[in-house]
Each structure stands twice: as structure tokens, then as C-alpha cells.
C-alpha atoms as a PDB file:
ATOM      1  CA  MET A   1       5.059 -17.286  10.299  1.00  0.00           C
ATOM      2  CA  GLY A   2       1.333 -16.669  11.175  1.00  0.00           C
ATOM      3  CA  SER A   3       0.218 -15.735  14.662  1.00  0.00           C
ATOM      4  CA  LEU A   4      -1.246 -18.199  16.553  1.00  0.00           C
ATOM      5  CA  GLN A   5      -4.431 -17.367  19.744  1.00  0.00           C
ATOM      6  CA  GLU A   6      -2.961 -17.073  22.998  1.00  0.00           C
ATOM      7  CA  GLU A   7      -5.028 -19.568  24.000  1.00  0.00           C
ATOM      8  CA  GLN A   8      -3.899 -21.680  21.848  1.00  0.00           C
ATOM      9  CA  ALA A   9      -0.626 -24.268  21.686  1.00  0.00           C
ATOM     10  CA  GLN A  10       2.275 -21.989  20.014  1.00  0.00           C
ATOM     11  CA  ILE A  11       3.397 -24.656  17.551  1.00  0.00           C
ATOM     12  CA  PRO A  12       5.571 -23.321  15.052  1.00  0.00           C
ATOM     13  CA  VAL A  13       4.958 -23.420  10.995  1.00  0.00           C
ATOM     14  CA  ILE A  14       8.552 -24.282   9.221  1.00  0.00           C
ATOM     15  CA  ASP A  15       8.982 -24.719   5.292  1.00  0.00           C
ATOM     16  CA  ILE A  16      10.744 -27.146   4.940  1.00  0.00           C
ATOM     17  CA  SER A  17      11.495 -26.817   1.080  1.00  0.00           C
ATOM     18  CA  PRO A  18      15.127 -26.305  -0.362  1.00  0.00           C
ATOM     19  CA  ALA A  19      14.092 -22.576  -0.563  1.00  0.00           C
ATOM     20  CA  ASN A  20      14.567 -22.472   3.464  1.00  0.00           C
ATOM     21  CA  LYS A  21      18.291 -22.808   4.131  1.00  0.00           C
ATOM     22  CA  ASN A  22      17.664 -22.918   7.587  1.00  0.00           C
ATOM     23  CA  ALA A  23      15.279 -25.902   7.809  1.00  0.00           C
ATOM     24  CA  PRO A  24      17.406 -28.017   9.872  1.00  0.00           C
ATOM     25  CA  ALA A  25      17.969 -25.979  12.366  1.00  0.00           C
ATOM     26  CA  GLU A  26      14.287 -24.467  12.771  1.00  0.00           C
ATOM     27  CA  LEU A  27      13.048 -28.453  12.969  1.00  0.00           C
ATOM     28  CA  LEU A  28      15.460 -29.289  15.509  1.00  0.00           C
ATOM     29  CA  ASP A  29      14.534 -26.247  17.588  1.00  0.00           C
ATOM     30  CA  ALA A  30      10.810 -26.840  17.370  1.00  0.00           C
ATOM     31  CA  ALA A  31      11.462 -30.645  18.180  1.00  0.00           C
ATOM     32  CA  CYS A  32      13.605 -30.075  21.183  1.00  0.00           C
ATOM     33  CA  ARG A  33      11.222 -27.443  22.556  1.00  0.00           C
ATOM     34  CA  PHE A  34       7.822 -28.412  21.920  1.00  0.00           C
ATOM     35  CA  GLY A  35       7.879 -32.214  20.559  1.00  0.00           C
ATOM     36  CA  PHE A  36       5.511 -30.820  17.440  1.00  0.00           C
ATOM     37  CA  VAL A  37       5.916 -28.555  14.292  1.00  0.00           C
ATOM     38  CA  PHE A  38       3.737 -27.427  11.822  1.00  0.00           C
ATOM     39  CA  VAL A  39       5.391 -28.459   7.926  1.00  0.00           C
ATOM     40  CA  ALA A  40       4.158 -25.886   5.417  1.00  0.00           C
ATOM     41  CA  ASN A  41       2.481 -28.153   2.734  1.00  0.00           C
ATOM     42  CA  ASN A  42       3.977 -26.369  -0.035  1.00  0.00           C
ATOM     43  CA  GLU A  43       5.852 -27.691  -3.185  1.00  0.00           C
ATOM     44  CA  ALA A  44       7.571 -29.552   0.106  1.00  0.00           C
ATOM     45  CA  GLY A  45       4.295 -31.312   0.994  1.00  0.00           C
ATOM     46  CA  ILE A  46       1.490 -33.658  -0.275  1.00  0.00           C
ATOM     47  CA  SER A  47      -1.093 -32.500  -2.780  1.00  0.00           C
ATOM     48  CA  PRO A  48      -4.142 -31.457  -1.224  1.00  0.00           C
ATOM     49  CA  GLU A  49      -6.255 -33.022  -3.356  1.00  0.00           C
ATOM     50  CA  LEU A  50      -4.522 -36.736  -2.543  1.00  0.00           C
ATOM     51  CA  ILE A  51      -5.328 -35.654   0.898  1.00  0.00           C
ATOM     52  CA  SER A  52      -9.141 -34.961  -0.087  1.00  0.00           C
ATOM     53  CA  LYS A  53      -9.767 -38.499  -1.520  1.00  0.00           C
ATOM     54  CA  VAL A  54      -8.083 -40.510   1.182  1.00  0.00           C
ATOM     55  CA  PHE A  55     -10.650 -38.376   3.639  1.00  0.00           C
ATOM     56  CA  ASP A  56     -13.430 -39.314   1.350  1.00  0.00           C
ATOM     57  CA  ILE A  57     -12.309 -42.879   1.126  1.00  0.00           C
ATOM     58  CA  SER A  58     -11.914 -42.875   5.287  1.00  0.00           C
ATOM     59  CA  THR A  59     -15.580 -41.464   5.517  1.00  0.00           C
ATOM     60  CA  GLU A  60     -16.825 -44.198   3.298  1.00  0.00           C
ATOM     61  CA  PHE A  61     -14.986 -46.961   5.100  1.00  0.00           C
ATOM     62  CA  PHE A  62     -16.365 -46.127   8.730  1.00  0.00           C
ATOM     63  CA  ALA A  63     -19.841 -45.448   7.283  1.00  0.00           C
ATOM     64  CA  LEU A  64     -20.192 -49.106   6.405  1.00  0.00           C
ATOM     65  CA  PRO A  65     -21.923 -51.403   9.047  1.00  0.00           C
ATOM     66  CA  ASN A  66     -20.120 -53.157  11.947  1.00  0.00           C
ATOM     67  CA  GLU A  67     -20.286 -56.391  10.787  1.00  0.00           C
ATOM     68  CA  VAL A  68     -18.971 -55.494   7.522  1.00  0.00           C
ATOM     69  CA  LYS A  69     -15.778 -54.156   9.117  1.00  0.00           C
ATOM     70  CA  GLN A  70     -15.337 -57.032  11.254  1.00  0.00           C
ATOM     71  CA  GLU A  71     -14.496 -58.715   8.293  1.00  0.00           C
ATOM     72  CA  VAL A  72     -11.332 -56.790   8.259  1.00  0.00           C
ATOM     73  CA  SER A  73     -10.934 -56.718  12.657  1.00  0.00           C
ATOM     74  CA  ILE A  74      -7.622 -56.361  13.585  1.00  0.00           C
ATOM     75  CA  ALA A  75      -8.568 -59.622  15.334  1.00  0.00           C
ATOM     76  CA  SER A  76      -8.784 -61.250  11.547  1.00  0.00           C
ATOM     77  CA  ASN A  77      -5.476 -60.503  11.006  1.00  0.00           C
ATOM     78  CA  LYS A  78      -3.350 -63.786  11.072  1.00  0.00           C
ATOM     79  CA  ALA A  79       0.248 -62.284  10.253  1.00  0.00           C
ATOM     80  CA  GLY A  80       0.078 -60.737  14.098  1.00  0.00           C
ATOM     81  CA  LYS A  81       0.574 -57.511  13.489  1.00  0.00           C
ATOM     82  CA  ASN A  82      -0.715 -53.931  14.218  1.00  0.00           C
ATOM     83  CA  HIS A  83      -3.241 -54.295  10.988  1.00  0.00           C
ATOM     84  CA  GLY A  84      -7.098 -53.821  10.803  1.00  0.00           C
ATOM     85  CA  TRP A  85     -10.128 -52.294  11.970  1.00  0.00           C
ATOM     86  CA  LEU A  86     -10.457 -51.523  15.591  1.00  0.00           C
ATOM     87  CA  SER A  87     -14.326 -51.130  17.000  1.00  0.00           C
ATOM     88  CA  GLN A  88     -14.897 -48.625  20.001  1.00  0.00           C
ATOM     89  CA  GLY A  89     -13.745 -50.350  23.211  1.00  0.00           C
ATOM     90  CA  VAL A  90     -10.643 -51.631  21.641  1.00  0.00           C
ATOM     91  CA  GLU A  91      -7.918 -49.088  22.176  1.00  0.00           C
ATOM     92  CA  LYS A  92      -7.235 -47.590  25.523  1.00  0.00           C
ATOM     93  CA  LEU A  93      -4.183 -44.929  24.778  1.00  0.00           C
ATOM     94  CA  ASP A  94      -4.112 -43.800  28.621  1.00  0.00           C
ATOM     95  CA  PRO A  95      -4.891 -47.253  30.476  1.00  0.00           C
ATOM     96  CA  LYS A  96      -3.800 -46.217  34.048  1.00  0.00           C
ATOM     97  CA  VAL A  97      -6.049 -43.244  34.424  1.00  0.00           C
ATOM     98  CA  GLN A  98      -9.128 -43.993  31.396  1.00  0.00           C
ATOM     99  CA  VAL A  99     -11.964 -45.645  33.119  1.00  0.00           C
ATOM    100  CA  ARG A 100     -13.309 -46.082  29.729  1.00  0.00           C
ATOM    101  CA  ALA A 101     -12.200 -47.305  26.388  1.00  0.00           C
ATOM    102  CA  ASP A 102     -11.526 -44.629  23.751  1.00  0.00           C
ATOM    103  CA  VAL A 103     -14.317 -42.758  21.834  1.00  0.00           C
ATOM    104  CA  LYS A 104     -13.172 -44.087  18.293  1.00  0.00           C
ATOM    105  CA  GLU A 105     -12.860 -46.108  15.297  1.00  0.00           C
ATOM    106  CA  ALA A 106      -9.518 -46.954  13.788  1.00  0.00           C
ATOM    107  CA  PHE A 107      -8.557 -48.459  10.770  1.00  0.00           C
ATOM    108  CA  ASN A 108      -4.770 -49.655  10.505  1.00  0.00           C
ATOM    109  CA  MET A 109      -2.884 -50.413   7.215  1.00  0.00           C
ATOM    110  CA  GLY A 110       0.574 -51.840   6.869  1.00  0.00           C
ATOM    111  CA  LEU A 111       2.846 -50.931   3.609  1.00  0.00           C
ATOM    112  CA  PRO A 112       2.703 -53.498   1.146  1.00  0.00           C
ATOM    113  CA  ASP A 113       5.641 -55.978   0.579  1.00  0.00           C
ATOM    114  CA  SER A 114       8.006 -55.809  -2.547  1.00  0.00           C
ATOM    115  CA  LYS A 115       5.253 -57.693  -4.746  1.00  0.00           C
ATOM    116  CA  GLY A 116       3.054 -54.566  -3.793  1.00  0.00           C
ATOM    117  CA  THR A 117       0.783 -56.910  -1.659  1.00  0.00           C
ATOM    118  CA  PHE A 118      -0.485 -56.191   1.683  1.00  0.00           C
ATOM    119  CA  GLU A 119      -0.711 -58.810   4.572  1.00  0.00           C
ATOM    120  CA  GLN A 120      -3.887 -57.983   5.980  1.00  0.00           C
ATOM    121  CA  PRO A 121      -7.551 -58.351   4.587  1.00  0.00           C
ATOM    122  CA  LEU A 122      -8.803 -54.880   3.061  1.00  0.00           C
ATOM    123  CA  PRO A 123     -12.418 -53.293   2.758  1.00  0.00           C
ATOM    124  CA  SER A 124     -13.791 -52.230  -0.179  1.00  0.00           C
ATOM    125  CA  PRO A 125     -13.584 -48.586  -0.332  1.00  0.00           C
ATOM    126  CA  ILE A 126      -9.439 -49.137   0.032  1.00  0.00           C
ATOM    127  CA  THR A 127      -9.607 -52.493  -2.599  1.00  0.00           C
ATOM    128  CA  GLN A 128     -11.107 -49.983  -5.038  1.00  0.00           C
ATOM    129  CA  ASN A 129      -9.180 -47.276  -4.392  1.00  0.00           C
ATOM    130  CA  LEU A 130      -5.534 -48.882  -3.681  1.00  0.00           C
ATOM    131  CA  SER A 131      -3.441 -46.632  -6.210  1.00  0.00           C
ATOM    132  CA  ILE A 132      -4.745 -43.829  -4.222  1.00  0.00           C
ATOM    133  CA  ILE A 133      -3.959 -44.841  -0.825  1.00  0.00           C
ATOM    134  CA  THR A 134      -0.561 -46.585  -2.057  1.00  0.00           C
ATOM    135  CA  SER A 135       0.205 -42.767  -3.375  1.00  0.00           C
ATOM    136  CA  PHE A 136      -0.281 -41.027  -0.347  1.00  0.00           C
ATOM    137  CA  GLN A 137       1.593 -43.722   2.007  1.00  0.00           C
ATOM    138  CA  SER A 138       4.423 -42.922  -0.882  1.00  0.00           C
ATOM    139  CA  ALA A 139       4.317 -39.475  -0.138  1.00  0.00           C
ATOM    140  CA  CYS A 140       3.954 -39.677   3.405  1.00  0.00           C
ATOM    141  CA  SER A 141       7.156 -41.901   3.287  1.00  0.00           C
ATOM    142  CA  SER A 142       8.931 -38.998   1.244  1.00  0.00           C
ATOM    143  CA  LEU A 143       8.136 -36.416   3.332  1.00  0.00           C
ATOM    144  CA  CYS A 144       9.287 -38.362   6.486  1.00  0.00           C
ATOM    145  CA  ASP A 145      12.453 -39.067   4.605  1.00  0.00           C
ATOM    146  CA  ALA A 146      12.877 -35.018   4.298  1.00  0.00           C
ATOM    147  CA  ILE A 147      12.263 -34.348   7.982  1.00  0.00           C
ATOM    148  CA  LEU A 148      14.532 -37.046   8.715  1.00  0.00           C
ATOM    149  CA  THR A 149      17.491 -35.958   6.295  1.00  0.00           C
ATOM    150  CA  HIS A 150      16.744 -32.411   8.178  1.00  0.00           C
ATOM    151  CA  PHE A 151      17.047 -34.056  11.618  1.00  0.00           C
ATOM    152  CA  ALA A 152      20.512 -35.631  10.916  1.00  0.00           C
ATOM    153  CA  THR A 153      21.895 -32.342   9.017  1.00  0.00           C
ATOM    154  CA  ALA A 154      21.083 -30.329  12.658  1.00  0.00           C
ATOM    155  CA  LEU A 155      22.465 -33.202  14.547  1.00  0.00           C
ATOM    156  CA  GLN A 156      25.863 -33.173  12.510  1.00  0.00           C
ATOM    157  CA  ILE A 157      25.814 -36.715  11.144  1.00  0.00           C
ATOM    158  CA  PRO A 158      25.560 -38.339   7.778  1.00  0.00           C
ATOM    159  CA  THR A 159      22.151 -37.243   6.252  1.00  0.00           C
ATOM    160  CA  ASP A 160      21.119 -40.901   5.143  1.00  0.00           C
ATOM    161  CA  TRP A 161      22.070 -42.270   9.493  1.00  0.00           C
ATOM    162  CA  PHE A 162      18.325 -42.150   9.693  1.00  0.00           C
ATOM    163  CA  THR A 163      16.574 -42.560   6.449  1.00  0.00           C
ATOM    164  CA  SER A 164      18.460 -45.708   5.734  1.00  0.00           C
ATOM    165  CA  ARG A 165      17.562 -47.438   9.276  1.00  0.00           C
ATOM    166  CA  HIS A 166      14.141 -46.412   7.767  1.00  0.00           C
ATOM    167  CA  ASP A 167      14.151 -47.601   4.179  1.00  0.00           C
ATOM    168  CA  ARG A 168      11.239 -49.955   3.329  1.00  0.00           C
ATOM    169  CA  THR A 169      13.032 -51.641   0.494  1.00  0.00           C
ATOM    170  CA  LYS A 170      15.438 -52.997   3.188  1.00  0.00           C
ATOM    171  CA  GLY A 171      12.552 -54.889   5.163  1.00  0.00           C
ATOM    172  CA  PRO A 172       9.545 -54.813   7.214  1.00  0.00           C
ATOM    173  CA  SER A 173       8.961 -52.116   9.941  1.00  0.00           C
ATOM    174  CA  GLY A 174       6.020 -51.021  12.301  1.00  0.00           C
ATOM    175  CA  THR A 175       4.970 -48.102  10.141  1.00  0.00           C
ATOM    176  CA  VAL A 176       1.570 -47.500  10.076  1.00  0.00           C
ATOM    177  CA  PHE A 177      -1.369 -45.864   8.093  1.00  0.00           C
ATOM    178  CA  ARG A 178      -3.893 -45.326  10.146  1.00  0.00           C
ATOM    179  CA  LEU A 179      -7.739 -43.861   9.474  1.00  0.00           C
ATOM    180  CA  LEU A 180      -9.238 -42.299  12.277  1.00  0.00           C
ATOM    181  CA  TYR A 181     -12.854 -41.574  13.270  1.00  0.00           C
ATOM    182  CA  TYR A 182     -14.793 -39.544  16.480  1.00  0.00           C
ATOM    183  CA  PRO A 183     -18.442 -40.091  16.633  1.00  0.00           C
ATOM    184  CA  GLN A 184     -20.079 -37.125  17.222  1.00  0.00           C
ATOM    185  CA  THR A 185     -20.453 -35.756  20.266  1.00  0.00           C
ATOM    186  CA  PRO A 186     -23.623 -37.096  22.677  1.00  0.00           C
ATOM    187  CA  THR A 187     -26.075 -34.816  23.397  1.00  0.00           C
ATOM    188  CA  LYS A 188     -25.769 -35.412  27.600  1.00  0.00           C
ATOM    189  CA  THR A 189     -22.339 -37.172  28.598  1.00  0.00           C
ATOM    190  CA  ASP A 190     -19.937 -37.144  31.173  1.00  0.00           C
ATOM    191  CA  VAL A 191     -17.022 -38.716  28.897  1.00  0.00           C
ATOM    192  CA  ASP A 192     -15.052 -36.040  27.807  1.00  0.00           C
ATOM    193  CA  ILE A 193     -12.197 -38.077  26.185  1.00  0.00           C
ATOM    194  CA  ARG A 194     -11.728 -39.108  22.714  1.00  0.00           C
ATOM    195  CA  ALA A 195      -8.635 -40.657  22.971  1.00  0.00           C
ATOM    196  CA  GLY A 196      -6.752 -40.654  26.120  1.00  0.00           C
ATOM    197  CA  ALA A 197      -3.213 -38.931  26.838  1.00  0.00           C
ATOM    198  CA  HIS A 198      -0.690 -40.598  25.203  1.00  0.00           C
ATOM    199  CA  SER A 199       2.701 -40.071  22.895  1.00  0.00           C
ATOM    200  CA  ASP A 200       3.437 -41.787  19.979  1.00  0.00           C
ATOM    201  CA  TYR A 201       5.610 -44.935  19.788  1.00  0.00           C
ATOM    202  CA  GLY A 202       8.042 -44.630  16.589  1.00  0.00           C
ATOM    203  CA  SER A 203      10.253 -41.865  15.199  1.00  0.00           C
ATOM    204  CA  ILE A 204       7.657 -39.073  13.640  1.00  0.00           C
ATOM    205  CA  THR A 205       3.996 -39.140  12.969  1.00  0.00           C
ATOM    206  CA  CYS A 206       2.014 -36.882  10.316  1.00  0.00           C
ATOM    207  CA  LEU A 207      -1.551 -35.963  10.704  1.00  0.00           C
ATOM    208  CA  PHE A 208      -3.701 -34.766   8.813  1.00  0.00           C
ATOM    209  CA  GLN A 209      -7.074 -32.783   9.919  1.00  0.00           C
ATOM    210  CA  LEU A 210      -9.813 -31.180   8.608  1.00  0.00           C
ATOM    211  CA  PRO A 211     -11.150 -27.767   8.948  1.00  0.00           C
ATOM    212  CA  GLY A 212     -13.577 -27.085  11.781  1.00  0.00           C
ATOM    213  CA  GLN A 213     -12.769 -30.180  13.502  1.00  0.00           C
ATOM    214  CA  PRO A 214     -10.924 -29.301  16.863  1.00  0.00           C
ATOM    215  CA  GLY A 215     -10.163 -31.291  19.755  1.00  0.00           C
ATOM    216  CA  LEU A 216      -6.392 -32.358  19.873  1.00  0.00           C
ATOM    217  CA  GLU A 217      -4.865 -31.043  22.572  1.00  0.00           C
ATOM    218  CA  ILE A 218      -0.938 -31.013  23.622  1.00  0.00           C
ATOM    219  CA  LYS A 219       0.592 -31.032  27.247  1.00  0.00           C
ATOM    220  CA  THR A 220       2.669 -27.718  28.025  1.00  0.00           C
ATOM    221  CA  PRO A 221       5.989 -28.173  30.370  1.00  0.00           C
ATOM    222  CA  SER A 222       3.550 -26.622  32.970  1.00  0.00           C
ATOM    223  CA  GLY A 223       1.171 -29.164  32.379  1.00  0.00           C
ATOM    224  CA  ASP A 224      -1.806 -27.708  31.603  1.00  0.00           C
ATOM    225  CA  TRP A 225      -3.142 -28.811  28.153  1.00  0.00           C
ATOM    226  CA  ALA A 226      -3.328 -26.438  25.312  1.00  0.00           C
ATOM    227  CA  PRO A 227      -5.305 -26.970  22.158  1.00  0.00           C
ATOM    228  CA  VAL A 228      -3.766 -27.313  18.300  1.00  0.00           C
ATOM    229  CA  PRO A 229      -5.138 -25.159  15.512  1.00  0.00           C
ATOM    230  CA  VAL A 230      -6.462 -26.641  12.940  1.00  0.00           C
ATOM    231  CA  ASP A 231      -5.363 -24.441  10.773  1.00  0.00           C
ATOM    232  CA  PRO A 232      -2.719 -22.001  12.245  1.00  0.00           C
ATOM    233  CA  LEU A 233      -1.899 -19.826   9.093  1.00  0.00           C
ATOM    234  CA  ASP A 234      -5.993 -19.675   8.174  1.00  0.00           C
ATOM    235  CA  GLN A 235      -4.911 -21.443   4.668  1.00  0.00           C
ATOM    236  CA  ALA A 236      -8.811 -23.248   4.527  1.00  0.00           C
ATOM    237  CA  LYS A 237     -10.147 -19.124   4.296  1.00  0.00           C
ATOM    238  CA  GLU A 238      -7.950 -19.058   1.330  1.00  0.00           C
ATOM    239  CA  GLY A 239      -8.378 -22.515  -0.562  1.00  0.00           C
ATOM    240  CA  LYS A 240      -5.185 -23.457   0.179  1.00  0.00           C
ATOM    241  CA  ALA A 241      -3.912 -26.715   1.638  1.00  0.00           C
ATOM    242  CA  LEU A 242      -3.737 -26.680   5.360  1.00  0.00           C
ATOM    243  CA  PRO A 243       0.087 -27.476   7.294  1.00  0.00           C
ATOM    244  CA  ILE A 244       0.872 -30.655   8.395  1.00  0.00           C
ATOM    245  CA  LEU A 245       1.290 -31.337  11.530  1.00  0.00           C
ATOM    246  CA  VAL A 246       4.186 -33.334  12.617  1.00  0.00           C
ATOM    247  CA  ASN A 247       5.206 -34.789  16.014  1.00  0.00           C
ATOM    248  CA  ILE A 248       7.826 -36.614  17.683  1.00  0.00           C
ATOM    249  CA  GLY A 249       7.516 -40.358  19.012  1.00  0.00           C
ATOM    250  CA  ASP A 250       9.340 -42.227  21.775  1.00  0.00           C
ATOM    251  CA  LEU A 251      11.321 -43.951  19.552  1.00  0.00           C
ATOM    252  CA  LEU A 252      13.189 -40.854  18.630  1.00  0.00           C
ATOM    253  CA  GLU A 253      13.384 -39.046  21.944  1.00  0.00           C
ATOM    254  CA  ASP A 254      15.013 -42.543  23.305  1.00  0.00           C
ATOM    255  CA  TRP A 255      17.350 -42.299  20.165  1.00  0.00           C
ATOM    256  CA  THR A 256      18.876 -38.711  20.796  1.00  0.00           C
ATOM    257  CA  GLY A 257      19.067 -39.385  24.467  1.00  0.00           C
ATOM    258  CA  GLY A 258      15.685 -37.234  25.341  1.00  0.00           C
ATOM    259  CA  LEU A 259      16.997 -34.207  22.908  1.00  0.00           C
ATOM    260  CA  LEU A 260      14.096 -34.273  21.093  1.00  0.00           C
ATOM    261  CA  LYS A 261      10.737 -34.199  22.839  1.00  0.00           C
ATOM    262  CA  SER A 262       7.977 -36.703  22.625  1.00  0.00           C
ATOM    263  CA  THR A 263       5.146 -34.687  23.841  1.00  0.00           C
ATOM    264  CA  LYS A 264       1.853 -36.142  24.968  1.00  0.00           C
ATOM    265  CA  HIS A 265      -1.417 -35.605  23.706  1.00  0.00           C
ATOM    266  CA  ARG A 266      -5.017 -36.509  23.903  1.00  0.00           C
ATOM    267  CA  VAL A 267      -7.951 -35.942  21.325  1.00  0.00           C
ATOM    268  CA  VAL A 268     -11.309 -34.195  23.807  1.00  0.00           C
ATOM    269  CA  PHE A 269     -14.726 -33.397  22.561  1.00  0.00           C
ATOM    270  CA  PRO A 270     -15.202 -29.742  21.930  1.00  0.00           C
ATOM    271  CA  LYS A 271     -16.533 -27.985  24.894  1.00  0.00           C
ATOM    272  CA  SER A 272     -18.635 -25.276  22.440  1.00  0.00           C
ATOM    273  CA  GLU A 273     -20.569 -26.344  19.294  1.00  0.00           C
ATOM    274  CA  GLU A 274     -17.688 -25.550  17.067  1.00  0.00           C
ATOM    275  CA  GLY A 275     -16.526 -28.882  15.713  1.00  0.00           C
ATOM    276  CA  ALA A 276     -19.316 -31.132  17.831  1.00  0.00           C
ATOM    277  CA  GLY A 277     -20.169 -33.269  14.896  1.00  0.00           C
ATOM    278  CA  ASP A 278     -18.114 -36.315  13.967  1.00  0.00           C
ATOM    279  CA  ARG A 279     -14.102 -35.714  13.651  1.00  0.00           C
ATOM    280  CA  TYR A 280     -12.226 -37.815  11.204  1.00  0.00           C
ATOM    281  CA  SER A 281      -8.190 -37.701  11.000  1.00  0.00           C
ATOM    282  CA  ILE A 282      -5.740 -39.546   9.331  1.00  0.00           C
ATOM    283  CA  ALA A 283      -2.076 -40.286  10.709  1.00  0.00           C
ATOM    284  CA  TYR A 284       1.008 -41.829   9.423  1.00  0.00           C
ATOM    285  CA  PHE A 285       3.044 -43.553  12.264  1.00  0.00           C
ATOM    286  CA  CYS A 286       6.680 -43.358  10.868  1.00  0.00           C
ATOM    287  CA  HIS A 287       8.733 -46.268  12.375  1.00  0.00           C
ATOM    288  CA  PRO A 288      12.191 -47.714  11.415  1.00  0.00           C
ATOM    289  CA  LEU A 289      13.015 -51.513  10.007  1.00  0.00           C
ATOM    290  CA  ASP A 290      12.099 -53.978  12.520  1.00  0.00           C
ATOM    291  CA  ASP A 291      15.735 -55.088  12.805  1.00  0.00           C
ATOM    292  CA  ALA A 292      16.967 -51.721  13.619  1.00  0.00           C
ATOM    293  CA  LEU A 293      19.181 -51.611  16.575  1.00  0.00           C
ATOM    294  CA  LEU A 294      17.935 -48.466  18.577  1.00  0.00           C
ATOM    295  CA  GLU A 295      21.297 -47.921  19.604  1.00  0.00           C
ATOM    296  CA  PRO A 296      22.420 -43.856  20.435  1.00  0.00           C
ATOM    297  CA  VAL A 297      22.438 -41.589  17.405  1.00  0.00           C
ATOM    298  CA  PRO A 298      26.460 -41.103  17.296  1.00  0.00           C
ATOM    299  CA  SER A 299      26.002 -37.186  17.433  1.00  0.00           C
ATOM    300  CA  GLU A 300      27.978 -34.804  19.270  1.00  0.00           C
ATOM    301  CA  VAL A 301      25.116 -32.542  19.507  1.00  0.00           C
ATOM    302  CA  VAL A 302      23.243 -35.455  21.323  1.00  0.00           C
ATOM    303  CA  ARG A 303      26.159 -36.102  23.754  1.00  0.00           C
ATOM    304  CA  GLU A 304      26.463 -32.644  24.524  1.00  0.00           C
ATOM    305  CA  HIS A 305      23.062 -32.881  26.028  1.00  0.00           C
ATOM    306  CA  VAL A 306      23.260 -35.962  27.529  1.00  0.00           C
ATOM    307  CA  ARG A 307      26.665 -35.006  29.661  1.00  0.00           C
ATOM    308  CA  THR A 308      24.353 -31.525  30.601  1.00  0.00           C
ATOM    309  CA  HIS A 309      20.844 -32.952  31.178  1.00  0.00           C
ATOM    310  CA  GLY A 310      22.181 -36.506  32.493  1.00  0.00           C
ATOM    311  CA  GLY A 311      20.338 -39.870  30.773  1.00  0.00           C
ATOM    312  CA  LYS A 312      20.399 -43.451  31.569  1.00  0.00           C
ATOM    313  CA  GLU A 313      21.560 -46.147  30.142  1.00  0.00           C
ATOM    314  CA  ARG A 314      19.194 -48.080  28.470  1.00  0.00           C
ATOM    315  CA  LYS A 315      19.435 -51.708  26.965  1.00  0.00           C
ATOM    316  CA  VAL A 316      19.583 -51.797  22.985  1.00  0.00           C
ATOM    317  CA  ILE A 317      16.836 -53.436  21.193  1.00  0.00           C
ATOM    318  CA  THR A 318      15.550 -53.814  18.437  1.00  0.00           C
ATOM    319  CA  ALA A 319      12.715 -51.100  16.808  1.00  0.00           C
ATOM    320  CA  ARG A 320      10.026 -54.198  16.777  1.00  0.00           C
ATOM    321  CA  ASP A 321      10.680 -55.286  20.261  1.00  0.00           C
ATOM    322  CA  HIS A 322      10.182 -51.430  21.277  1.00  0.00           C
ATOM    323  CA  LEU A 323       7.024 -51.442  19.181  1.00  0.00           C
ATOM    324  CA  MET A 324       5.588 -54.654  20.466  1.00  0.00           C
ATOM    325  CA  GLU A 325       6.108 -53.670  24.129  1.00  0.00           C
ATOM    326  CA  ARG A 326       4.154 -50.588  23.981  1.00  0.00           C
ATOM    327  CA  LEU A 327       1.327 -52.231  22.126  1.00  0.00           C
ATOM    328  CA  ALA A 328       0.804 -54.640  24.704  1.00  0.00           C
ATOM    329  CA  ALA A 329      -0.232 -52.206  27.202  1.00  0.00           C
ATOM    330  CA  THR A 330      -3.069 -50.228  24.597  1.00  0.00           C
ATOM    331  CA  TYR A 331      -4.904 -52.828  23.285  1.00  0.00           C
ATOM    332  CA  SER A 332      -7.554 -54.938  24.854  1.00  0.00           C
ATOM    333  CA  VAL A 333      -8.670 -57.569  21.633  1.00  0.00           C
ATOM    334  CA  LYS A 334     -10.582 -60.106  22.312  1.00  0.00           C
END
């Protein structure tokens, strides 16, 4: 494990490949303490070439004129799902605090159905590279399954307890693949937030970043904000793949009675010239099947945590109902 700068968030880097027999315990410890973990992008990860191609597609899409992107806006999605382009001013991730909306654009995609089609309009950069996009989504899904299997092992429940509830062959889910674009820092501005403080809504999130584009911060237990290193192991200097940042979402925290932590995070404008240009990132928000019931995980580890730290009775709802409640407070789509 590489050493991290003192002022940065202390997030461990974990090898989840079969070579590391301690991966389940290490993942659980990181999820309980930090809510964030870097996954070493080795043979258990995702091809650096594939990641690079998706970033190229993202750059091409966001460079399109707004009137072209408007044709695939989230408002144009007749299926009523969280899919499509979001212009600046649509999303406010911290609505109780933010005066201004997030300074970013995004494009949300669902997963293909059993026939390989998407229930949303798609822009030309994506339709022309659909095999790349679907390969990336599939790779992210496999990575999430590996992480969820490790969590099940650590919690001493059947290894497929989580993955069976995320099996996209069994029905639709709220899983979203998201391209994100944060425009260059204005010369003079009193705006310092690119994306407001929030926790993610689903099970786990896989975030892909580019070297030289800092800005992500997490809230520490002391209440301070700490920057997340883009490359904690300096892999980019060696021409190697960057570790993949993974974080716990609200749903998995609720599912485990608060044992796993869903940590608040935000994106800010850099305070120095470094990284002051455009920022791009890619997020894969992993959600359970829409009709999955959010009943307590049948783990003695979880039950012991609830007995020790207390917990409140929660109404058992479906994963889709949970997601709709969270999205309703976030968007302002007209």
C-alpha cells in the first residue's frame, strides 16, 4: 500500500483479486471506517484502454452544441427514469445548503434490456460506440459483483445474497452509468462548489478519474473536508492503471443497519492552478433490482452492530421506492 499525503483523505488501496485472501475482511474494514476504498486496478479490475476510450466518448459528447444535447435531455426521456442529459442548473445535490445549482453537466444511461436495447434516446457519440459503452457497463457490473461477494463473505452470509438481488437478468434496476463534465474554473468567481455535498443513493459506486484533475473531497468523522487523491499510488507516473475509487451508498448502509458507512462527498474547484481546467469523471452507480426488498441483511455481524450501537426500525420498501424518494429532492427538471 502506498503512502498518502498527510492532508489528503486516508483511503486504503485494496487488491480484490483471488491472490489476496484477506480481501473480504479488508474491504469490510474500509467500508465500516471510511465508506470509501481504492480498488487496485489489476487483473481484477477494468482495462485501462477501455476506460480511456470511454473518457474520449465523454469528451466528444459534452463538446456537442447544447441544442443537440437537448435532444437527449432527461426531460425527453418518456420512460420517466433517471436517464438522459442534465444541463448546468438542473441538479442541486445539497439543496438545503446550496444557493446555486451544481456547476456541471451529466449524461445518465441505464443498462440495456434483455434484447440489448436502451429505453432512452442516445446521442451519436454513444450510438457510434455502443459496443465500447456496453463492454464498460458489463465490466463495471462484474467488478461490483466481486465487491458485493466479498462483503457477503465478510458478513458471513451466503456469497450470492447481495449479487442475487443485483442480478440484472432478473429485471430492471436503478443502476446508472454516468458521464460527468465540470467546466473550467472561471477566472474570478465566488462559486467554489462544482457538486454539492451528498451521499450516493444506491449500493456501491465505482468512480473513474483522470490524472491531474483533483477536486473530490470527503467528509471526515471530525466534520472536516479532506481531498481524495486521484492517484494514491502514483500509478500514472509508471504508466499503469489508476486505482478505481469505490464508495458505499445509502442503501447499503441502511441494509446493514449502519455498519457500512455512506460517506458524504463533494466536488470543489481547485484552490491552485493545478487541475484548474475542465474535469471529467465517470461513475457507475450500482443499484439492486427495482423490486428488491430492503429488509435487514441476515448477518450476525450486522445484528451485533445494531445491538451495540442501536438502530431504529425502518419501513421495508423496495429499492425503486428508495431511489425515487432521493431523486425527488435533487432534480429541478422543467
